[in-house]
Amino acid sequence: MVKPFWRKGTTSLERSKTSLTKNDGLTWYKDLGLHAFGEFSMAMIQANSVMEDQCQIESGPLTFNNPEVQGTFVGVYDGHGGPEASRFIADNIFPNLKKFATESGEISEEVMRNAFGETEEDFLMAVKKQWRKNPQMASVGSCCLAGVICNGLVYIANAGDSRAVLGRSERGGVRAVQLSVEHNANVESARQELWSMHPNDPNILVMKHRMWRVKGIVQVTKSIGDAYLKRAEFNREPLLPKYRVAEHFTKPILSADPSVTVTQLEPEDEFMILASDGLWEHLSNQVAVDIVHSSARQGIARRLLKAALKEAAKKREMRYSDLKEINPGVRRHFHDDITVIVVYLEPQ
């Protein structure tokens, strides 16, 4: 179980990032802060021309009318095609979660699913309103990883390929326990799910440049946004041809319905790492938890970023110092935007 003390606060890495330190033009971070059940560290680094990731951590009441239902909400939103979807999620998913938690009086798997569903519908409505003025909004999407700590339980909801990993003490070390389920076409279970949902579509998955892609376009099989792959009304002009699917479809190709896991926290559970796939592309679950377990808390999120970038540089046979000098946009060829939040769990 986690310690039931309360510290109210909220931290978001959003468009302005005004509450965070910016050190080299591409990195934003909060080295150490307090949440309801301990401390946290968060950091993000830009690789794209425009930063497409967003994240947030909220501590406080999880309903609008019952101060007894309190906890910590953590979100990592890995955008693609632009920043609009991830920014929209950062602005809307937590209020939507509080709305459904208020109606049910508690946090539950259903509340998590409903928060995702409402956020998806709201974004698709925004796309529809801007269709004539800004049709490219239909091609923007985002992975969405959300975690809630409440009453000794951790709820993890995921649509996309971000990941949540628990660090659990074991025999003098720490063991990585993955809490999230990933939805990426290069994961066998995700391919099987998509094939079962579209048995009559031989082109639902296409191998392109040695990577599986949905319709030969995107790797994620679940997301918020990507309206052109959800509703046929957006799969047409004036959307640019490169974003359109050739075949007509009658049901959504991608889904926003998240996989949800619920985990009872134990005294051995030390911390969680929630991060976009840019981190996990270069660090294994076990390597990441070992770094956190063996390091000081102050600045641990930035330490994970640095470890991932060193691996990215090593893969390209270049120096880490040289990688740091590459400008955004070009830098995307070496690594993705990366967001990481480490949430410490204080035992009773």
Protein backbone atom coordinates (compact mmCIF):
# COMPACT_ATOMS: atom_id res chain seq x y z
CA MET A 1 0.00 0.00 0.00
CA VAL A 2 1.04 3.59 -0.47
CA LYS A 3 1.27 6.20 2.21
CA PRO A 4 -2.04 8.09 2.45
CA PHE A 5 -0.68 11.60 2.90
CA TRP A 6 -1.76 14.47 0.70
CA ARG A 7 0.07 17.28 -1.03
CA LYS A 8 -2.03 19.30 -3.40
CA GLY A 9 -0.52 20.54 -6.62
CA THR A 10 -0.39 20.36 -10.36
CA THR A 11 2.40 20.38 -12.90
CA SER A 12 1.99 20.30 -16.66
CA LEU A 13 4.50 20.38 -19.49
CA GLU A 14 2.25 22.12 -21.96
CA ARG A 15 2.62 24.64 -24.75
CA SER A 16 4.20 27.44 -22.72
CA LYS A 17 6.17 25.20 -20.34
CA THR A 18 6.53 28.33 -18.18
CA SER A 19 6.78 26.43 -14.88
CA LEU A 20 9.77 24.39 -16.06
CA THR A 21 13.44 25.02 -16.57
CA LYS A 22 14.62 25.03 -20.18
CA ASN A 23 18.33 24.34 -20.48
CA ASP A 24 19.42 24.15 -24.12
CA GLY A 25 16.44 25.12 -26.21
CA LEU A 26 15.23 21.54 -26.68
CA THR A 27 14.86 20.18 -23.13
CA TRP A 28 12.26 21.02 -20.50
CA TYR A 29 12.21 19.50 -17.04
CA LYS A 30 11.16 19.58 -13.41
CA ASP A 31 13.89 17.77 -11.52
CA LEU A 32 11.85 17.01 -8.39
CA GLY A 33 8.34 17.80 -7.22
CA LEU A 34 5.70 16.47 -4.85
CA HIS A 35 2.58 14.49 -5.66
CA ALA A 36 -0.02 12.86 -3.42
CA PHE A 37 2.04 9.78 -2.58
CA GLY A 38 5.64 10.88 -2.83
CA GLU A 39 7.93 12.69 -5.24
CA PHE A 40 8.18 12.87 -9.02
CA SER A 41 10.61 13.96 -11.72
CA MET A 42 9.67 14.80 -15.30
CA ALA A 43 11.52 15.80 -18.47
CA MET A 44 11.03 16.01 -22.20
CA ILE A 45 13.30 16.62 -25.19
CA GLN A 46 12.39 17.82 -28.67
CA ALA A 47 13.53 16.16 -31.90
CA ASN A 48 10.81 17.24 -34.36
CA SER A 49 10.66 20.72 -35.86
CA VAL A 50 7.69 21.31 -33.56
CA MET A 51 7.48 19.48 -30.24
CA GLU A 52 4.65 16.96 -30.58
CA ASP A 53 4.75 15.45 -27.06
CA GLN A 54 2.81 16.73 -24.05
CA CYS A 55 2.60 15.47 -20.48
CA GLN A 56 1.10 16.35 -17.12
CA ILE A 57 0.86 15.31 -13.49
CA GLU A 58 -2.09 16.38 -11.36
CA SER A 59 -2.51 15.86 -7.62
CA GLY A 60 -5.80 16.70 -5.99
CA PRO A 61 -9.43 15.66 -5.83
CA LEU A 62 -10.35 13.24 -8.59
CA THR A 63 -14.02 14.22 -8.54
CA PHE A 64 -15.80 17.57 -8.54
CA ASN A 65 -17.93 16.88 -5.46
CA ASN A 66 -16.18 14.41 -3.14
CA PRO A 67 -12.91 15.55 -1.51
CA GLU A 68 -12.43 12.03 -0.13
CA VAL A 69 -11.63 10.69 -3.60
CA GLN A 70 -8.10 11.98 -4.01
CA GLY A 71 -5.06 10.78 -5.87
CA THR A 72 -2.48 11.45 -8.56
CA PHE A 73 -3.11 11.56 -12.30
CA VAL A 74 -0.19 11.19 -14.73
CA GLY A 75 -0.43 11.57 -18.51
CA VAL A 76 2.01 11.14 -21.40
CA TYR A 77 0.74 12.13 -24.85
CA ASP A 78 2.94 11.29 -27.83
CA GLY A 79 1.61 13.23 -30.81
CA HIS A 80 2.16 12.50 -34.49
CA GLY A 81 1.44 14.56 -37.58
CA GLY A 82 1.52 17.73 -35.48
CA PRO A 83 1.05 18.90 -31.88
CA GLU A 84 -2.69 19.62 -31.95
CA ALA A 85 -3.98 16.27 -30.69
CA SER A 86 -1.50 15.92 -27.82
CA ARG A 87 -2.21 19.50 -26.73
CA PHE A 88 -5.94 18.84 -26.87
CA ILE A 89 -5.56 15.75 -24.70
CA ALA A 90 -3.48 17.67 -22.15
CA ASP A 91 -6.26 20.25 -21.88
CA ASN A 92 -9.21 17.87 -21.75
CA ILE A 93 -8.58 14.32 -20.54
CA PHE A 94 -8.18 15.10 -16.83
CA PRO A 95 -11.39 17.19 -16.63
CA ASN A 96 -13.16 14.40 -18.52
CA LEU A 97 -11.85 11.83 -16.04
CA LYS A 98 -13.06 13.96 -13.12
CA LYS A 99 -16.46 14.25 -14.77
CA PHE A 100 -16.94 10.48 -15.03
CA ALA A 101 -15.41 9.85 -11.60
CA THR A 102 -17.92 12.34 -10.17
CA GLU A 103 -20.80 10.49 -11.81
CA SER A 104 -19.68 7.09 -10.50
CA GLY A 105 -18.25 8.27 -7.19
CA GLU A 106 -14.94 6.47 -7.72
CA ILE A 107 -12.07 5.71 -10.06
CA SER A 108 -12.59 2.54 -12.08
CA GLU A 109 -11.65 0.87 -15.35
CA GLU A 110 -14.90 2.17 -16.82
CA VAL A 111 -14.08 5.74 -15.76
CA MET A 112 -10.69 5.48 -17.49
CA ARG A 113 -12.28 4.17 -20.70
CA ASN A 114 -14.97 6.82 -20.66
CA ALA A 115 -12.39 9.59 -20.22
CA PHE A 116 -10.56 8.36 -23.32
CA GLY A 117 -13.80 8.01 -25.28
CA GLU A 118 -15.03 11.49 -24.38
CA THR A 119 -11.68 13.06 -25.25
CA GLU A 120 -11.70 11.26 -28.60
CA GLU A 121 -15.23 12.40 -29.43
CA ASP A 122 -14.44 15.97 -28.42
CA PHE A 123 -11.35 16.03 -30.64
CA LEU A 124 -13.20 14.56 -33.63
CA MET A 125 -15.84 17.24 -33.14
CA ALA A 126 -13.09 19.88 -33.20
CA VAL A 127 -11.76 18.36 -36.44
CA LYS A 128 -15.24 18.55 -37.96
CA LYS A 129 -15.64 22.20 -36.99
CA GLN A 130 -12.31 23.10 -38.63
CA TRP A 131 -12.67 20.80 -41.65
CA ARG A 132 -13.06 23.51 -44.30
CA LYS A 133 -10.54 25.92 -42.79
CA ASN A 134 -7.91 23.41 -41.64
CA PRO A 135 -8.51 19.93 -43.09
CA GLN A 136 -5.04 18.72 -42.07
CA MET A 137 -6.35 18.49 -38.49
CA ALA A 138 -7.89 15.20 -39.67
CA SER A 139 -4.40 13.72 -40.07
CA VAL A 140 -3.18 14.65 -36.58
CA GLY A 141 -3.26 12.11 -33.75
CA SER A 142 -1.66 11.14 -30.48
CA CYS A 143 -0.88 8.14 -28.36
CA CYS A 144 -2.34 8.50 -24.88
CA LEU A 145 -0.97 6.93 -21.70
CA ALA A 146 -2.76 7.82 -18.47
CA GLY A 147 -2.20 6.57 -14.96
CA VAL A 148 -4.15 7.17 -11.76
CA ILE A 149 -2.97 6.31 -8.24
CA CYS A 150 -5.90 6.13 -5.83
CA ASN A 151 -6.70 4.06 -2.73
CA GLY A 152 -3.62 1.88 -3.07
CA LEU A 153 -4.37 0.98 -6.69
CA VAL A 154 -2.71 2.02 -9.93
CA TYR A 155 -4.95 2.30 -12.98
CA ILE A 156 -3.08 2.42 -16.29
CA ALA A 157 -4.93 3.14 -19.53
CA ASN A 158 -3.08 3.13 -22.83
CA ALA A 159 -3.92 3.75 -26.47
CA GLY A 160 -0.75 3.63 -28.55
CA ASP A 161 2.83 2.63 -27.85
CA SER A 162 3.86 4.65 -24.82
CA ARG A 163 4.68 2.52 -21.78
CA ALA A 164 4.29 2.41 -18.00
CA VAL A 165 6.76 0.30 -15.99
CA LEU A 166 6.79 -0.38 -12.25
CA GLY A 167 10.02 -0.76 -10.29
CA ARG A 168 9.54 -3.45 -7.62
CA SER A 169 12.19 -4.23 -4.98
CA GLU A 170 13.45 -7.78 -5.15
CA ARG A 171 16.48 -9.43 -3.47
CA GLY A 172 18.56 -6.30 -3.09
CA GLY A 173 17.73 -5.02 -6.56
CA VAL A 174 14.68 -3.99 -8.50
CA ARG A 175 12.54 -5.84 -11.03
CA ALA A 176 10.75 -4.19 -13.94
CA VAL A 177 7.03 -4.93 -14.14
CA GLN A 178 5.32 -3.58 -17.27
CA LEU A 179 1.87 -2.21 -16.44
CA SER A 180 0.72 -1.10 -19.88
CA VAL A 181 -0.30 -2.94 -23.04
CA GLU A 182 1.11 -1.49 -26.27
CA HIS A 183 -0.73 -0.99 -29.54
CA ASN A 184 1.86 -0.94 -32.29
CA ALA A 185 1.67 -2.89 -35.54
CA ASN A 186 5.11 -4.35 -34.83
CA VAL A 187 3.76 -6.07 -31.71
CA GLU A 188 2.31 -9.49 -32.55
CA SER A 189 -0.72 -9.16 -30.26
CA ALA A 190 -1.62 -5.79 -31.80
CA ARG A 191 -1.45 -7.25 -35.31
CA GLN A 192 -3.63 -10.18 -34.33
CA GLU A 193 -6.20 -7.84 -32.80
CA LEU A 194 -6.31 -5.70 -35.94
CA TRP A 195 -6.58 -8.72 -38.26
CA SER A 196 -9.45 -10.11 -36.16
CA MET A 197 -11.28 -6.76 -36.35
CA HIS A 198 -10.78 -6.47 -40.13
CA PRO A 199 -10.83 -10.05 -41.44
CA ASN A 200 -11.94 -9.01 -44.93
CA ASP A 201 -9.27 -6.38 -45.48
CA PRO A 202 -6.03 -7.92 -46.82
CA ASN A 203 -4.33 -4.51 -46.72
CA ILE A 204 -5.14 -3.61 -43.13
CA LEU A 205 -1.46 -4.19 -42.33
CA VAL A 206 1.34 -3.58 -44.81
CA MET A 207 5.07 -4.22 -44.39
CA LYS A 208 6.93 -1.04 -45.37
CA HIS A 209 10.66 -0.48 -44.93
CA ARG A 210 10.79 -3.63 -42.80
CA MET A 211 8.17 -2.25 -40.41
CA TRP A 212 4.48 -3.14 -40.14
CA ARG A 213 2.16 -0.20 -40.69
CA VAL A 214 -1.62 0.14 -40.56
CA LYS A 215 -2.69 0.70 -44.17
CA GLY A 216 0.99 1.26 -44.87
CA ILE A 217 0.78 4.61 -43.05
CA VAL A 218 0.99 4.55 -39.24
CA GLN A 219 2.57 2.12 -36.79
CA VAL A 220 0.18 2.64 -33.87
CA THR A 221 -3.04 0.63 -33.91
CA LYS A 222 -4.82 2.78 -31.31
CA SER A 223 -4.77 6.54 -30.84
CA ILE A 224 -6.79 9.62 -30.09
CA GLY A 225 -7.36 11.64 -33.26
CA ASP A 226 -6.26 10.39 -36.69
CA ALA A 227 -9.77 11.23 -37.83
CA TYR A 228 -9.04 10.19 -41.42
CA LEU A 229 -8.59 6.61 -40.15
CA LYS A 230 -11.66 6.73 -37.91
CA ARG A 231 -14.39 8.24 -40.08
CA ALA A 232 -14.75 8.05 -43.86
CA GLU A 233 -16.11 11.62 -43.96
CA PHE A 234 -12.55 12.85 -43.30
CA ASN A 235 -10.87 10.48 -45.77
CA ARG A 236 -11.39 12.74 -48.79
CA GLU A 237 -10.52 16.10 -50.29
CA PRO A 238 -9.47 18.67 -49.23
CA LEU A 239 -7.24 16.42 -47.10
CA LEU A 240 -3.95 15.90 -48.93
CA PRO A 241 -3.74 12.61 -50.87
CA LYS A 242 -0.76 11.35 -48.85
CA TYR A 243 -3.00 11.16 -45.77
CA ARG A 244 -5.90 9.42 -47.47
CA VAL A 245 -6.64 5.71 -47.58
CA ALA A 246 -7.34 4.43 -51.09
CA GLU A 247 -10.05 1.94 -50.11
CA HIS A 248 -13.43 3.00 -48.79
CA PHE A 249 -14.08 1.88 -45.22
CA THR A 250 -17.27 1.67 -43.18
CA LYS A 251 -15.88 1.11 -39.68
CA PRO A 252 -12.95 2.78 -37.90
CA ILE A 253 -9.52 1.47 -38.88
CA LEU A 254 -7.93 2.68 -35.65
CA SER A 255 -9.52 2.67 -32.20
CA ALA A 256 -9.26 5.00 -29.21
CA ASP A 257 -10.47 2.33 -26.77
CA PRO A 258 -7.57 1.87 -24.33
CA SER A 259 -6.20 -1.25 -22.72
CA VAL A 260 -6.65 -0.82 -18.96
CA THR A 261 -4.80 -2.59 -16.17
CA VAL A 262 -5.41 -2.30 -12.42
CA THR A 263 -2.57 -3.12 -10.03
CA GLN A 264 -2.64 -3.35 -6.24
CA LEU A 265 0.38 -1.51 -4.89
CA GLU A 266 2.62 -3.47 -2.53
CA PRO A 267 5.24 -2.24 -0.02
CA GLU A 268 7.94 -3.41 -2.46
CA ASP A 269 6.74 -1.07 -5.21
CA GLU A 270 9.24 1.81 -5.33
CA PHE A 271 8.37 3.88 -8.40
CA MET A 272 6.76 4.00 -11.83
CA ILE A 273 8.22 5.21 -15.11
CA LEU A 274 5.75 6.53 -17.69
CA ALA A 275 7.34 7.47 -21.00
CA SER A 276 6.73 7.85 -24.71
CA ASP A 277 8.14 5.21 -27.03
CA GLY A 278 11.12 7.43 -27.80
CA LEU A 279 12.62 6.34 -24.48
CA TRP A 280 11.80 2.64 -24.81
CA GLU A 281 13.25 2.53 -28.33
CA HIS A 282 16.67 2.88 -26.71
CA LEU A 283 16.28 1.57 -23.14
CA SER A 284 14.83 -1.76 -22.01
CA ASN A 285 12.41 -1.86 -19.08
CA GLN A 286 15.04 -3.40 -16.82
CA VAL A 287 17.80 -0.97 -17.77
CA ALA A 288 15.47 1.96 -17.09
CA VAL A 289 14.39 0.75 -13.64
CA ASP A 290 17.99 -0.09 -12.74
CA ILE A 291 19.01 3.49 -13.55
CA VAL A 292 16.23 4.90 -11.37
CA HIS A 293 16.88 2.45 -8.52
CA SER A 294 20.61 3.21 -8.39
CA SER A 295 20.44 7.00 -8.83
CA ALA A 296 19.51 10.02 -6.77
CA ARG A 297 15.94 11.23 -7.22
CA GLN A 298 16.87 14.79 -8.12
CA GLY A 299 16.96 15.03 -11.92
CA ILE A 300 16.29 11.32 -12.52
CA ALA A 301 13.99 12.00 -15.50
CA ARG A 302 16.76 13.95 -17.23
CA ARG A 303 19.18 11.14 -16.42
CA LEU A 304 16.93 8.69 -18.26
CA LEU A 305 16.76 11.05 -21.24
CA LYS A 306 20.54 11.26 -21.33
CA ALA A 307 20.90 7.46 -21.16
CA ALA A 308 18.49 7.08 -24.10
CA LEU A 309 20.29 9.72 -26.17
CA LYS A 310 23.66 8.09 -25.50
CA GLU A 311 22.24 4.82 -26.83
CA ALA A 312 20.81 6.62 -29.87
CA ALA A 313 24.23 8.14 -30.59
CA LYS A 314 25.95 4.80 -30.11
CA LYS A 315 23.64 3.14 -32.64
CA ARG A 316 24.64 5.77 -35.21
CA GLU A 317 28.33 5.48 -34.30
CA MET A 318 28.55 9.10 -33.24
CA ARG A 319 29.39 10.97 -30.07
CA TYR A 320 26.68 12.04 -27.65
CA SER A 321 28.11 15.57 -27.72
CA ASP A 322 27.69 15.68 -31.51
CA LEU A 323 24.10 14.44 -31.32
CA LYS A 324 23.27 17.28 -28.95
CA GLU A 325 24.35 19.81 -31.58
CA ILE A 326 21.88 18.60 -34.24
CA ASN A 327 18.95 20.94 -34.89
CA PRO A 328 15.31 19.89 -34.43
CA GLY A 329 13.79 18.43 -37.55
CA VAL A 330 17.04 16.86 -38.72
CA ARG A 331 17.40 15.46 -35.22
CA ARG A 332 14.26 13.37 -35.75
CA HIS A 333 16.36 11.04 -37.94
CA PHE A 334 18.36 10.11 -34.82
CA HIS A 335 15.70 9.98 -32.11
CA ASP A 336 12.06 10.86 -31.46
CA ASP A 337 10.61 13.48 -29.14
CA ILE A 338 10.98 11.84 -25.72
CA THR A 339 8.90 12.39 -22.60
CA VAL A 340 9.51 10.65 -19.28
CA ILE A 341 7.90 10.93 -15.84
CA VAL A 342 9.22 9.06 -12.80
CA VAL A 343 6.67 8.78 -10.00
CA TYR A 344 8.00 7.61 -6.64
CA LEU A 345 5.70 5.62 -4.37
CA GLU A 346 6.29 6.06 -0.64
CA PRO A 347 5.55 2.88 1.38
CA GLN A 348 3.70 2.94 4.70
